[in-house]
Amino acid sequence: MRVIRESLSMTRSQFAKRLGIARPNTYKLEADEVSESVSLARLSRAADALDCRLVYALIPKISLEETVKRQAFEQAKRRLERVNISQSLEASALSDDSISQQIHDIAMELIVERPNSLWDD
């Protein structure tokens, strides 16, 4: 915000007047932006005062498909781990290959069905 204001050669007083606030409040507004505590409403008003457009977006770090896949495999591992612990107590635990295949199968089922429980921990 401050960089744009200064690039426009707009003083704090001019900025404050365009926002309809007292000049000292511009310091707090700019500081709140830097500390990421400014509200979207205040940021939008500031953008308008600077003749800017505010763009607010959530951009996934990885594809949503990959996020679901990772979660499905984690969920499948947790489910199978509980079953395998129970079976190991009965001396019928699964082999490593069998465990990997079952994790894969459960994960694929979760990916297809996408139940709300996919995100339960």
PDB file of N, CA and C in Angstrom:
ATOM      1  N   MET A   1       0.825  -1.177   0.000  1.00  0.00           N
ATOM      2  CA  MET A   1       0.000   0.000   0.000  1.00  0.00           C
ATOM      3  C   MET A   1       0.879   1.253   0.000  1.00  0.00           C
ATOM      4  N   ARG A   2       1.853   1.271   0.927  1.00  0.00           N
ATOM      5  CA  ARG A   2       2.737   2.443   1.024  1.00  0.00           C
ATOM      6  C   ARG A   2       3.544   2.616  -0.255  1.00  0.00           C
ATOM      7  N   VAL A   3       4.022   1.517  -0.814  1.00  0.00           N
ATOM      8  CA  VAL A   3       4.829   1.585  -2.039  1.00  0.00           C
ATOM      9  C   VAL A   3       4.010   2.186  -3.181  1.00  0.00           C
ATOM     10  N   ILE A   4       2.765   1.751  -3.308  1.00  0.00           N
ATOM     11  CA  ILE A   4       1.911   2.293  -4.364  1.00  0.00           C
ATOM     12  C   ILE A   4       1.623   3.770  -4.100  1.00  0.00           C
ATOM     13  N   ARG A   5       1.298   4.101  -2.853  1.00  0.00           N
ATOM     14  CA  ARG A   5       1.018   5.496  -2.508  1.00  0.00           C
ATOM     15  C   ARG A   5       2.216   6.372  -2.844  1.00  0.00           C
ATOM     16  N   GLU A   6       3.408   5.928  -2.449  1.00  0.00           N
ATOM     17  CA  GLU A   6       4.609   6.722  -2.717  1.00  0.00           C
ATOM     18  C   GLU A   6       4.935   6.761  -4.213  1.00  0.00           C
ATOM     19  N   SER A   7       4.683   5.664  -4.921  1.00  0.00           N
ATOM     20  CA  SER A   7       4.916   5.646  -6.369  1.00  0.00           C
ATOM     21  C   SER A   7       4.007   6.631  -7.097  1.00  0.00           C
ATOM     22  N   LEU A   8       2.841   6.867  -6.521  1.00  0.00           N
ATOM     23  CA  LEU A   8       1.901   7.840  -7.083  1.00  0.00           C
ATOM     24  C   LEU A   8       2.222   9.270  -6.634  1.00  0.00           C
ATOM     25  N   SER A   9       3.252   9.409  -5.801  1.00  0.00           N
ATOM     26  CA  SER A   9       3.606  10.701  -5.195  1.00  0.00           C
ATOM     27  C   SER A   9       2.445  11.269  -4.399  1.00  0.00           C
ATOM     28  N   MET A  10       1.723  10.379  -3.736  1.00  0.00           N
ATOM     29  CA  MET A  10       0.583  10.779  -2.918  1.00  0.00           C
ATOM     30  C   MET A  10       1.050  10.893  -1.467  1.00  0.00           C
ATOM     31  N   THR A  11       0.770  12.018  -0.852  1.00  0.00           N
ATOM     32  CA  THR A  11       1.163  12.191   0.547  1.00  0.00           C
ATOM     33  C   THR A  11       0.201  11.424   1.451  1.00  0.00           C
ATOM     34  N   ARG A  12       0.608  11.259   2.682  1.00  0.00           N
ATOM     35  CA  ARG A  12      -0.276  10.621   3.667  1.00  0.00           C
ATOM     36  C   ARG A  12      -1.544  11.448   3.858  1.00  0.00           C
ATOM     37  N   SER A  13      -1.398  12.747   3.852  1.00  0.00           N
ATOM     38  CA  SER A  13      -2.570  13.628   4.013  1.00  0.00           C
ATOM     39  C   SER A  13      -3.548  13.442   2.863  1.00  0.00           C
ATOM     40  N   GLN A  14      -3.032  13.349   1.651  1.00  0.00           N
ATOM     41  CA  GLN A  14      -3.890  13.149   0.489  1.00  0.00           C
ATOM     42  C   GLN A  14      -4.569  11.777   0.538  1.00  0.00           C
ATOM     43  N   PHE A  15      -3.795  10.799   0.937  1.00  0.00           N
ATOM     44  CA  PHE A  15      -4.318   9.428   1.067  1.00  0.00           C
ATOM     45  C   PHE A  15      -5.425   9.402   2.120  1.00  0.00           C
ATOM     46  N   ALA A  16      -5.156  10.015   3.251  1.00  0.00           N
ATOM     47  CA  ALA A  16      -6.138  10.060   4.341  1.00  0.00           C
ATOM     48  C   ALA A  16      -7.423  10.748   3.882  1.00  0.00           C
ATOM     49  N   LYS A  17      -7.272  11.837   3.154  1.00  0.00           N
ATOM     50  CA  LYS A  17      -8.452  12.569   2.670  1.00  0.00           C
ATOM     51  C   LYS A  17      -9.273  11.697   1.727  1.00  0.00           C
ATOM     52  N   ARG A  18      -8.608  10.961   0.836  1.00  0.00           N
ATOM     53  CA  ARG A  18      -9.311  10.091  -0.110  1.00  0.00           C
ATOM     54  C   ARG A  18     -10.020   8.952   0.624  1.00  0.00           C
ATOM     55  N   LEU A  19      -9.442   8.533   1.743  1.00  0.00           N
ATOM     56  CA  LEU A  19     -10.044   7.459   2.539  1.00  0.00           C
ATOM     57  C   LEU A  19     -11.108   7.978   3.506  1.00  0.00           C
ATOM     58  N   GLY A  20     -11.071   9.269   3.780  1.00  0.00           N
ATOM     59  CA  GLY A  20     -12.010   9.836   4.752  1.00  0.00           C
ATOM     60  C   GLY A  20     -11.622   9.506   6.180  1.00  0.00           C
ATOM     61  N   ILE A  21     -10.297   9.427   6.430  1.00  0.00           N
ATOM     62  CA  ILE A  21      -9.795   9.140   7.781  1.00  0.00           C
ATOM     63  C   ILE A  21      -8.774  10.203   8.169  1.00  0.00           C
ATOM     64  N   ALA A  22      -8.425  10.238   9.442  1.00  0.00           N
ATOM     65  CA  ALA A  22      -7.402  11.174   9.910  1.00  0.00           C
ATOM     66  C   ALA A  22      -6.019  10.684   9.456  1.00  0.00           C
ATOM     67  N   ARG A  23      -5.131  11.612   9.168  1.00  0.00           N
ATOM     68  CA  ARG A  23      -3.791  11.289   8.682  1.00  0.00           C
ATOM     69  C   ARG A  23      -3.062  10.259   9.557  1.00  0.00           C
ATOM     70  N   PRO A  24      -3.089  10.395  10.895  1.00  0.00           N
ATOM     71  CA  PRO A  24      -2.380   9.405  11.725  1.00  0.00           C
ATOM     72  C   PRO A  24      -2.881   7.972  11.513  1.00  0.00           C
ATOM     73  N   ASN A  25      -4.137   7.834  11.106  1.00  0.00           N
ATOM     74  CA  ASN A  25      -4.667   6.484  10.883  1.00  0.00           C
ATOM     75  C   ASN A  25      -4.060   5.805   9.659  1.00  0.00           C
ATOM     76  N   THR A  26      -3.463   6.586   8.770  1.00  0.00           N
ATOM     77  CA  THR A  26      -2.822   5.972   7.598  1.00  0.00           C
ATOM     78  C   THR A  26      -1.594   5.172   8.014  1.00  0.00           C
ATOM     79  N   TYR A  27      -0.904   5.623   9.063  1.00  0.00           N
ATOM     80  CA  TYR A  27       0.250   4.878   9.571  1.00  0.00           C
ATOM     81  C   TYR A  27      -0.191   3.491  10.043  1.00  0.00           C
ATOM     82  N   LYS A  28      -1.273   3.469  10.802  1.00  0.00           N
ATOM     83  CA  LYS A  28      -1.782   2.199  11.326  1.00  0.00           C
ATOM     84  C   LYS A  28      -2.263   1.299  10.181  1.00  0.00           C
ATOM     85  N   LEU A  29      -2.948   1.885   9.215  1.00  0.00           N
ATOM     86  CA  LEU A  29      -3.445   1.113   8.084  1.00  0.00           C
ATOM     87  C   LEU A  29      -2.292   0.455   7.327  1.00  0.00           C
ATOM     88  N   GLU A  30      -1.256   1.223   7.050  1.00  0.00           N
ATOM     89  CA  GLU A  30      -0.107   0.669   6.332  1.00  0.00           C
ATOM     90  C   GLU A  30       0.638  -0.363   7.181  1.00  0.00           C
ATOM     91  N   ALA A  31       0.736  -0.111   8.468  1.00  0.00           N
ATOM     92  CA  ALA A  31       1.392  -1.072   9.367  1.00  0.00           C
ATOM     93  C   ALA A  31       0.576  -2.361   9.470  1.00  0.00           C
ATOM     94  N   ASP A  32      -0.748  -2.221   9.517  1.00  0.00           N
ATOM     95  CA  ASP A  32      -1.618  -3.407   9.584  1.00  0.00           C
ATOM     96  C   ASP A  32      -1.486  -4.259   8.324  1.00  0.00           C
ATOM     97  N   GLU A  33      -1.301  -3.610   7.186  1.00  0.00           N
ATOM     98  CA  GLU A  33      -1.103  -4.380   5.956  1.00  0.00           C
ATOM     99  C   GLU A  33       0.197  -5.186   6.036  1.00  0.00           C
ATOM    100  N   VAL A  34       1.257  -4.545   6.496  1.00  0.00           N
ATOM    101  CA  VAL A  34       2.554  -5.220   6.603  1.00  0.00           C
ATOM    102  C   VAL A  34       2.482  -6.389   7.581  1.00  0.00           C
ATOM    103  N   SER A  35       1.766  -6.218   8.689  1.00  0.00           N
ATOM    104  CA  SER A  35       1.666  -7.281   9.699  1.00  0.00           C
ATOM    105  C   SER A  35       0.564  -8.291   9.375  1.00  0.00           C
ATOM    106  N   GLU A  36      -0.081  -8.125   8.230  1.00  0.00           N
ATOM    107  CA  GLU A  36      -1.151  -9.020   7.766  1.00  0.00           C
ATOM    108  C   GLU A  36      -2.352  -9.044   8.704  1.00  0.00           C
ATOM    109  N   SER A  37      -2.606  -7.919   9.355  1.00  0.00           N
ATOM    110  CA  SER A  37      -3.766  -7.861  10.244  1.00  0.00           C
ATOM    111  C   SER A  37      -4.838  -6.897   9.728  1.00  0.00           C
ATOM    112  N   VAL A  38      -4.651  -6.394   8.530  1.00  0.00           N
ATOM    113  CA  VAL A  38      -5.638  -5.487   7.945  1.00  0.00           C
ATOM    114  C   VAL A  38      -6.833  -6.310   7.457  1.00  0.00           C
ATOM    115  N   SER A  39      -8.024  -5.766   7.632  1.00  0.00           N
ATOM    116  CA  SER A  39      -9.214  -6.475   7.151  1.00  0.00           C
ATOM    117  C   SER A  39      -9.329  -6.289   5.641  1.00  0.00           C
ATOM    118  N   LEU A  40     -10.035  -7.209   5.014  1.00  0.00           N
ATOM    119  CA  LEU A  40     -10.258  -7.092   3.574  1.00  0.00           C
ATOM    120  C   LEU A  40     -11.066  -5.845   3.240  1.00  0.00           C
ATOM    121  N   ALA A  41     -12.001  -5.486   4.103  1.00  0.00           N
ATOM    122  CA  ALA A  41     -12.810  -4.291   3.867  1.00  0.00           C
ATOM    123  C   ALA A  41     -11.933  -3.041   3.858  1.00  0.00           C
ATOM    124  N   ARG A  42     -11.030  -2.931   4.823  1.00  0.00           N
ATOM    125  CA  ARG A  42     -10.140  -1.763   4.887  1.00  0.00           C
ATOM    126  C   ARG A  42      -9.166  -1.769   3.714  1.00  0.00           C
ATOM    127  N   LEU A  43      -8.683  -2.935   3.349  1.00  0.00           N
ATOM    128  CA  LEU A  43      -7.765  -3.044   2.221  1.00  0.00           C
ATOM    129  C   LEU A  43      -8.459  -2.672   0.918  1.00  0.00           C
ATOM    130  N   SER A  44      -9.711  -3.050   0.790  1.00  0.00           N
ATOM    131  CA  SER A  44     -10.485  -2.710  -0.403  1.00  0.00           C
ATOM    132  C   SER A  44     -10.698  -1.196  -0.505  1.00  0.00           C
ATOM    133  N   ARG A  45     -11.003  -0.579   0.622  1.00  0.00           N
ATOM    134  CA  ARG A  45     -11.175   0.883   0.631  1.00  0.00           C
ATOM    135  C   ARG A  45      -9.873   1.578   0.264  1.00  0.00           C
ATOM    136  N   ALA A  46      -8.763   1.081   0.780  1.00  0.00           N
ATOM    137  CA  ALA A  46      -7.457   1.666   0.461  1.00  0.00           C
ATOM    138  C   ALA A  46      -7.141   1.491  -1.022  1.00  0.00           C
ATOM    139  N   ALA A  47      -7.452   0.325  -1.556  1.00  0.00           N
ATOM    140  CA  ALA A  47      -7.223   0.075  -2.986  1.00  0.00           C
ATOM    141  C   ALA A  47      -8.011   1.080  -3.818  1.00  0.00           C
ATOM    142  N   ASP A  48      -9.266   1.298  -3.460  1.00  0.00           N
ATOM    143  CA  ASP A  48     -10.087   2.286  -4.182  1.00  0.00           C
ATOM    144  C   ASP A  48      -9.453   3.679  -4.096  1.00  0.00           C
ATOM    145  N   ALA A  49      -8.985   4.046  -2.917  1.00  0.00           N
ATOM    146  CA  ALA A  49      -8.374   5.364  -2.726  1.00  0.00           C
ATOM    147  C   ALA A  49      -7.104   5.521  -3.551  1.00  0.00           C
ATOM    148  N   LEU A  50      -6.442   4.413  -3.839  1.00  0.00           N
ATOM    149  CA  LEU A  50      -5.216   4.436  -4.640  1.00  0.00           C
ATOM    150  C   LEU A  50      -5.492   4.131  -6.111  1.00  0.00           C
ATOM    151  N   ASP A  51      -6.769   4.068  -6.470  1.00  0.00           N
ATOM    152  CA  ASP A  51      -7.210   3.740  -7.825  1.00  0.00           C
ATOM    153  C   ASP A  51      -6.628   2.392  -8.264  1.00  0.00           C
ATOM    154  N   CYS A  52      -6.715   1.440  -7.352  1.00  0.00           N
ATOM    155  CA  CYS A  52      -6.235   0.073  -7.603  1.00  0.00           C
ATOM    156  C   CYS A  52      -7.392  -0.906  -7.471  1.00  0.00           C
ATOM    157  N   ARG A  53      -7.158  -2.078  -7.956  1.00  0.00           N
ATOM    158  CA  ARG A  53      -8.125  -3.167  -7.823  1.00  0.00           C
ATOM    159  C   ARG A  53      -7.544  -4.161  -6.831  1.00  0.00           C
ATOM    160  N   LEU A  54      -8.318  -4.571  -5.856  1.00  0.00           N
ATOM    161  CA  LEU A  54      -7.892  -5.578  -4.891  1.00  0.00           C
ATOM    162  C   LEU A  54      -8.207  -6.950  -5.448  1.00  0.00           C
ATOM    163  N   VAL A  55      -7.213  -7.816  -5.464  1.00  0.00           N
ATOM    164  CA  VAL A  55      -7.391  -9.188  -5.921  1.00  0.00           C
ATOM    165  C   VAL A  55      -7.135 -10.094  -4.730  1.00  0.00           C
ATOM    166  N   TYR A  56      -8.128 -10.896  -4.386  1.00  0.00           N
ATOM    167  CA  TYR A  56      -8.034 -11.809  -3.241  1.00  0.00           C
ATOM    168  C   TYR A  56      -8.210 -13.216  -3.785  1.00  0.00           C
ATOM    169  N   ALA A  57      -7.233 -14.059  -3.576  1.00  0.00           N
ATOM    170  CA  ALA A  57      -7.325 -15.406  -4.138  1.00  0.00           C
ATOM    171  C   ALA A  57      -6.610 -16.410  -3.246  1.00  0.00           C
ATOM    172  N   LEU A  58      -7.145 -17.622  -3.231  1.00  0.00           N
ATOM    173  CA  LEU A  58      -6.466 -18.754  -2.617  1.00  0.00           C
ATOM    174  C   LEU A  58      -5.910 -19.586  -3.762  1.00  0.00           C
ATOM    175  N   ILE A  59      -4.614 -19.782  -3.769  1.00  0.00           N
ATOM    176  CA  ILE A  59      -3.977 -20.527  -4.846  1.00  0.00           C
ATOM    177  C   ILE A  59      -3.352 -21.771  -4.242  1.00  0.00           C
ATOM    178  N   PRO A  60      -3.834 -22.940  -4.630  1.00  0.00           N
ATOM    179  CA  PRO A  60      -3.297 -24.177  -4.070  1.00  0.00           C
ATOM    180  C   PRO A  60      -1.791 -24.317  -4.320  1.00  0.00           C
ATOM    181  N   LYS A  61      -1.074 -24.820  -3.323  1.00  0.00           N
ATOM    182  CA  LYS A  61       0.363 -25.058  -3.458  1.00  0.00           C
ATOM    183  C   LYS A  61       0.627 -26.181  -4.446  1.00  0.00           C
ATOM    184  N   ILE A  62      -0.250 -27.162  -4.434  1.00  0.00           N
ATOM    185  CA  ILE A  62      -0.200 -28.263  -5.389  1.00  0.00           C
ATOM    186  C   ILE A  62      -1.614 -28.425  -5.940  1.00  0.00           C
ATOM    187  N   SER A  63      -1.775 -29.239  -6.967  1.00  0.00           N
ATOM    188  CA  SER A  63      -3.112 -29.386  -7.539  1.00  0.00           C
ATOM    189  C   SER A  63      -4.079 -29.940  -6.492  1.00  0.00           C
ATOM    190  N   LEU A  64      -5.346 -29.585  -6.640  1.00  0.00           N
ATOM    191  CA  LEU A  64      -6.356 -30.094  -5.715  1.00  0.00           C
ATOM    192  C   LEU A  64      -6.444 -31.614  -5.830  1.00  0.00           C
ATOM    193  N   GLU A  65      -6.255 -32.125  -7.024  1.00  0.00           N
ATOM    194  CA  GLU A  65      -6.263 -33.576  -7.234  1.00  0.00           C
ATOM    195  C   GLU A  65      -5.152 -34.240  -6.421  1.00  0.00           C
ATOM    196  N   GLU A  66      -3.959 -33.639  -6.438  1.00  0.00           N
ATOM    197  CA  GLU A  66      -2.833 -34.200  -5.681  1.00  0.00           C
ATOM    198  C   GLU A  66      -3.097 -34.083  -4.173  1.00  0.00           C
ATOM    199  N   THR A  67      -3.722 -33.006  -3.736  1.00  0.00           N
ATOM    200  CA  THR A  67      -4.049 -32.840  -2.322  1.00  0.00           C
ATOM    201  C   THR A  67      -5.005 -33.937  -1.860  1.00  0.00           C
ATOM    202  N   VAL A  68      -6.028 -34.215  -2.665  1.00  0.00           N
ATOM    203  CA  VAL A  68      -6.982 -35.279  -2.336  1.00  0.00           C
ATOM    204  C   VAL A  68      -6.269 -36.629  -2.323  1.00  0.00           C
ATOM    205  N   LYS A  69      -5.410 -36.850  -3.287  1.00  0.00           N
ATOM    206  CA  LYS A  69      -4.673 -38.124  -3.370  1.00  0.00           C
ATOM    207  C   LYS A  69      -3.803 -38.329  -2.128  1.00  0.00           C
ATOM    208  N   ARG A  70      -3.074 -37.305  -1.742  1.00  0.00           N
ATOM    209  CA  ARG A  70      -2.225 -37.413  -0.540  1.00  0.00           C
ATOM    210  C   ARG A  70      -3.060 -37.717   0.698  1.00  0.00           C
ATOM    211  N   GLN A  71      -4.175 -36.992   0.829  1.00  0.00           N
ATOM    212  CA  GLN A  71      -5.036 -37.202   1.997  1.00  0.00           C
ATOM    213  C   GLN A  71      -5.625 -38.603   1.986  1.00  0.00           C
ATOM    214  N   ALA A  72      -6.015 -39.077   0.814  1.00  0.00           N
ATOM    215  CA  ALA A  72      -6.591 -40.423   0.706  1.00  0.00           C
ATOM    216  C   ALA A  72      -5.572 -41.479   1.127  1.00  0.00           C
ATOM    217  N   PHE A  73      -4.337 -41.334   0.706  1.00  0.00           N
ATOM    218  CA  PHE A  73      -3.318 -42.307   1.093  1.00  0.00           C
ATOM    219  C   PHE A  73      -3.019 -42.239   2.589  1.00  0.00           C
ATOM    220  N   GLU A  74      -2.995 -41.029   3.152  1.00  0.00           N
ATOM    221  CA  GLU A  74      -2.784 -40.901   4.603  1.00  0.00           C
ATOM    222  C   GLU A  74      -3.930 -41.545   5.374  1.00  0.00           C
ATOM    223  N   GLN A  75      -5.148 -41.282   4.927  1.00  0.00           N
ATOM    224  CA  GLN A  75      -6.327 -41.857   5.564  1.00  0.00           C
ATOM    225  C   GLN A  75      -6.302 -43.384   5.447  1.00  0.00           C
ATOM    226  N   ALA A  76      -5.939 -43.884   4.274  1.00  0.00           N
ATOM    227  CA  ALA A  76      -5.869 -45.335   4.056  1.00  0.00           C
ATOM    228  C   ALA A  76      -4.824 -45.967   4.972  1.00  0.00           C
ATOM    229  N   LYS A  77      -3.663 -45.324   5.112  1.00  0.00           N
ATOM    230  CA  LYS A  77      -2.605 -45.833   6.004  1.00  0.00           C
ATOM    231  C   LYS A  77      -3.105 -45.913   7.445  1.00  0.00           C
ATOM    232  N   ARG A  78      -3.797 -44.852   7.887  1.00  0.00           N
ATOM    233  CA  ARG A  78      -4.311 -44.841   9.263  1.00  0.00           C
ATOM    234  C   ARG A  78      -5.340 -45.945   9.479  1.00  0.00           C
ATOM    235  N   ARG A  79      -6.235 -46.096   8.521  1.00  0.00           N
ATOM    236  CA  ARG A  79      -7.253 -47.140   8.649  1.00  0.00           C
ATOM    237  C   ARG A  79      -6.620 -48.521   8.703  1.00  0.00           C
ATOM    238  N   LEU A  80      -5.695 -48.774   7.799  1.00  0.00           N
ATOM    239  CA  LEU A  80      -5.084 -50.094   7.733  1.00  0.00           C
ATOM    240  C   LEU A  80      -4.174 -50.346   8.937  1.00  0.00           C
ATOM    241  N   GLU A  81      -3.562 -49.308   9.427  1.00  0.00           N
ATOM    242  CA  GLU A  81      -2.710 -49.449  10.605  1.00  0.00           C
ATOM    243  C   GLU A  81      -3.518 -49.948  11.796  1.00  0.00           C
ATOM    244  N   ARG A  82      -4.715 -49.398  11.973  1.00  0.00           N
ATOM    245  CA  ARG A  82      -5.567 -49.843  13.086  1.00  0.00           C
ATOM    246  C   ARG A  82      -5.948 -51.316  12.923  1.00  0.00           C
ATOM    247  N   VAL A  83      -6.272 -51.699  11.700  1.00  0.00           N
ATOM    248  CA  VAL A  83      -6.644 -53.091  11.435  1.00  0.00           C
ATOM    249  C   VAL A  83      -5.443 -54.009  11.642  1.00  0.00           C
ATOM    250  N   ASN A  84      -4.291 -53.600  11.153  1.00  0.00           N
ATOM    251  CA  ASN A  84      -3.097 -54.434  11.243  1.00  0.00           C
ATOM    252  C   ASN A  84      -2.633 -54.608  12.687  1.00  0.00           C
ATOM    253  N   ILE A  85      -2.774 -53.577  13.511  1.00  0.00           N
ATOM    254  CA  ILE A  85      -2.424 -53.698  14.933  1.00  0.00           C
ATOM    255  C   ILE A  85      -3.320 -54.745  15.584  1.00  0.00           C
ATOM    256  N   SER A  86      -4.593 -54.663  15.285  1.00  0.00           N
ATOM    257  CA  SER A  86      -5.540 -55.625  15.831  1.00  0.00           C
ATOM    258  C   SER A  86      -5.196 -57.045  15.378  1.00  0.00           C
ATOM    259  N   GLN A  87      -4.855 -57.181  14.096  1.00  0.00           N
ATOM    260  CA  GLN A  87      -4.530 -58.513  13.568  1.00  0.00           C
ATOM    261  C   GLN A  87      -3.198 -59.031  14.108  1.00  0.00           C
ATOM    262  N   SER A  88      -2.242 -58.125  14.358  1.00  0.00           N
ATOM    263  CA  SER A  88      -0.951 -58.579  14.874  1.00  0.00           C
ATOM    264  C   SER A  88      -1.104 -59.152  16.274  1.00  0.00           C
ATOM    265  N   LEU A  89      -2.088 -58.627  17.023  1.00  0.00           N
ATOM    266  CA  LEU A  89      -2.356 -59.179  18.343  1.00  0.00           C
ATOM    267  C   LEU A  89      -2.892 -60.607  18.237  1.00  0.00           C
ATOM    268  N   GLU A  90      -3.527 -60.891  17.104  1.00  0.00           N
ATOM    269  CA  GLU A  90      -4.058 -62.226  16.858  1.00  0.00           C
ATOM    270  C   GLU A  90      -3.093 -63.071  16.040  1.00  0.00           C
ATOM    271  N   ALA A  91      -1.865 -62.563  15.823  1.00  0.00           N
ATOM    272  CA  ALA A  91      -0.818 -63.263  15.066  1.00  0.00           C
ATOM    273  C   ALA A  91      -1.226 -63.495  13.613  1.00  0.00           C
ATOM    274  N   SER A  92      -2.000 -62.578  13.034  1.00  0.00           N
ATOM    275  CA  SER A  92      -2.363 -62.709  11.624  1.00  0.00           C
ATOM    276  C   SER A  92      -2.125 -61.393  10.884  1.00  0.00           C
ATOM    277  N   ALA A  93      -1.018 -60.724  11.234  1.00  0.00           N
ATOM    278  CA  ALA A  93      -0.699 -59.444  10.605  1.00  0.00           C
ATOM    279  C   ALA A  93      -0.402 -59.646   9.128  1.00  0.00           C
ATOM    280  N   LEU A  94      -0.625 -58.598   8.341  1.00  0.00           N
ATOM    281  CA  LEU A  94      -0.429 -58.650   6.904  1.00  0.00           C
ATOM    282  C   LEU A  94       1.047 -58.469   6.538  1.00  0.00           C
ATOM    283  N   SER A  95       1.443 -59.000   5.392  1.00  0.00           N
ATOM    284  CA  SER A  95       2.806 -58.803   4.896  1.00  0.00           C
ATOM    285  C   SER A  95       2.940 -57.375   4.382  1.00  0.00           C
ATOM    286  N   ASP A  96       4.180 -56.912   4.220  1.00  0.00           N
ATOM    287  CA  ASP A  96       4.418 -55.554   3.734  1.00  0.00           C
ATOM    288  C   ASP A  96       3.809 -55.332   2.341  1.00  0.00           C
ATOM    289  N   ASP A  97       3.940 -56.316   1.447  1.00  0.00           N
ATOM    290  CA  ASP A  97       3.369 -56.193   0.101  1.00  0.00           C
ATOM    291  C   ASP A  97       1.849 -56.110   0.163  1.00  0.00           C
ATOM    292  N   SER A  98       1.282 -56.919   1.020  1.00  0.00           N
ATOM    293  CA  SER A  98      -0.171 -56.927   1.172  1.00  0.00           C
ATOM    294  C   SER A  98      -0.657 -55.597   1.738  1.00  0.00           C
ATOM    295  N   ILE A  99       0.086 -55.061   2.686  1.00  0.00           N
ATOM    296  CA  ILE A  99      -0.263 -53.770   3.288  1.00  0.00           C
ATOM    297  C   ILE A  99      -0.229 -52.674   2.227  1.00  0.00           C
ATOM    298  N   SER A 100       0.839 -52.637   1.423  1.00  0.00           N
ATOM    299  CA  SER A 100       0.960 -51.614   0.375  1.00  0.00           C
ATOM    300  C   SER A 100      -0.188 -51.696  -0.615  1.00  0.00           C
ATOM    301  N   GLN A 101      -0.548 -52.914  -1.003  1.00  0.00           N
ATOM    302  CA  GLN A 101      -1.632 -53.082  -1.967  1.00  0.00           C
ATOM    303  C   GLN A 101      -2.962 -52.648  -1.365  1.00  0.00           C
ATOM    304  N   GLN A 102      -3.193 -53.003  -0.114  1.00  0.00           N
ATOM    305  CA  GLN A 102      -4.456 -52.620   0.522  1.00  0.00           C
ATOM    306  C   GLN A 102      -4.534 -51.109   0.736  1.00  0.00           C
ATOM    307  N   ILE A 103      -3.410 -50.487   1.081  1.00  0.00           N
ATOM    308  CA  ILE A 103      -3.394 -49.023   1.226  1.00  0.00           C
ATOM    309  C   ILE A 103      -3.770 -48.385  -0.110  1.00  0.00           C
ATOM    310  N   HIS A 104      -3.169 -48.888  -1.175  1.00  0.00           N
ATOM    311  CA  HIS A 104      -3.463 -48.368  -2.508  1.00  0.00           C
ATOM    312  C   HIS A 104      -4.948 -48.540  -2.840  1.00  0.00           C
ATOM    313  N   ASP A 105      -5.478 -49.720  -2.584  1.00  0.00           N
ATOM    314  CA  ASP A 105      -6.881 -50.002  -2.895  1.00  0.00           C
ATOM    315  C   ASP A 105      -7.831 -49.092  -2.108  1.00  0.00           C
ATOM    316  N   ILE A 106      -7.557 -48.946  -0.821  1.00  0.00           N
ATOM    317  CA  ILE A 106      -8.407 -48.097   0.025  1.00  0.00           C
ATOM    318  C   ILE A 106      -8.307 -46.644  -0.435  1.00  0.00           C
ATOM    319  N   ALA A 107      -7.089 -46.195  -0.731  1.00  0.00           N
ATOM    320  CA  ALA A 107      -6.892 -44.817  -1.178  1.00  0.00           C
ATOM    321  C   ALA A 107      -7.643 -44.550  -2.482  1.00  0.00           C
ATOM    322  N   MET A 108      -7.565 -45.479  -3.420  1.00  0.00           N
ATOM    323  CA  MET A 108      -8.264 -45.296  -4.697  1.00  0.00           C
ATOM    324  C   MET A 108      -9.778 -45.213  -4.485  1.00  0.00           C
ATOM    325  N   GLU A 109     -10.266 -46.017  -3.574  1.00  0.00           N
ATOM    326  CA  GLU A 109     -11.700 -45.984  -3.241  1.00  0.00           C
ATOM    327  C   GLU A 109     -12.075 -44.622  -2.647  1.00  0.00           C
ATOM    328  N   LEU A 110     -11.224 -44.106  -1.763  1.00  0.00           N
ATOM    329  CA  LEU A 110     -11.481 -42.806  -1.150  1.00  0.00           C
ATOM    330  C   LEU A 110     -11.425 -41.680  -2.191  1.00  0.00           C
ATOM    331  N   ILE A 111     -10.501 -41.779  -3.121  1.00  0.00           N
ATOM    332  CA  ILE A 111     -10.377 -40.762  -4.168  1.00  0.00           C
ATOM    333  C   ILE A 111     -11.637 -40.721  -5.013  1.00  0.00           C
ATOM    334  N   VAL A 112     -12.166 -41.887  -5.340  1.00  0.00           N
ATOM    335  CA  VAL A 112     -13.368 -41.961  -6.175  1.00  0.00           C
ATOM    336  C   VAL A 112     -14.599 -41.490  -5.404  1.00  0.00           C
ATOM    337  N   GLU A 113     -14.750 -41.965  -4.187  1.00  0.00           N
ATOM    338  CA  GLU A 113     -15.960 -41.663  -3.409  1.00  0.00           C
ATOM    339  C   GLU A 113     -15.943 -40.277  -2.775  1.00  0.00           C
ATOM    340  N   ARG A 114     -14.785 -39.802  -2.394  1.00  0.00           N
ATOM    341  CA  ARG A 114     -14.601 -38.510  -1.722  1.00  0.00           C
ATOM    342  C   ARG A 114     -15.578 -38.290  -0.566  1.00  0.00           C
ATOM    343  N   PRO A 115     -15.573 -39.180   0.417  1.00  0.00           N
ATOM    344  CA  PRO A 115     -16.476 -38.990   1.556  1.00  0.00           C
ATOM    345  C   PRO A 115     -16.014 -37.812   2.423  1.00  0.00           C
ATOM    346  N   ASN A 116     -16.936 -37.224   3.155  1.00  0.00           N
ATOM    347  CA  ASN A 116     -16.566 -36.133   4.070  1.00  0.00           C
ATOM    348  C   ASN A 116     -15.540 -36.595   5.093  1.00  0.00           C
ATOM    349  N   SER A 117     -15.562 -37.869   5.431  1.00  0.00           N
ATOM    350  CA  SER A 117     -14.632 -38.400   6.430  1.00  0.00           C
ATOM    351  C   SER A 117     -13.194 -38.410   5.941  1.00  0.00           C
ATOM    352  N   LEU A 118     -12.970 -38.125   4.673  1.00  0.00           N
ATOM    353  CA  LEU A 118     -11.614 -38.089   4.127  1.00  0.00           C
ATOM    354  C   LEU A 118     -10.749 -37.120   4.908  1.00  0.00           C
ATOM    355  N   TRP A 119     -11.336 -36.076   5.420  1.00  0.00           N
ATOM    356  CA  TRP A 119     -10.557 -35.048   6.130  1.00  0.00           C
ATOM    357  C   TRP A 119     -10.601 -35.186   7.649  1.00  0.00           C
ATOM    358  N   ASP A 120     -11.175 -36.274   8.136  1.00  0.00           N
ATOM    359  CA  ASP A 120     -11.147 -36.539   9.577  1.00  0.00           C
ATOM    360  C   ASP A 120      -9.768 -37.047   9.955  1.00  0.00           C
ATOM    361  N   ASP A 121      -9.271 -36.589  11.078  1.00  0.00           N
ATOM    362  CA  ASP A 121      -7.948 -37.056  11.550  1.00  0.00           C
ATOM    363  C   ASP A 121      -8.066 -38.125  12.580  1.00  0.00           C
TER     364      ASP A 121
END
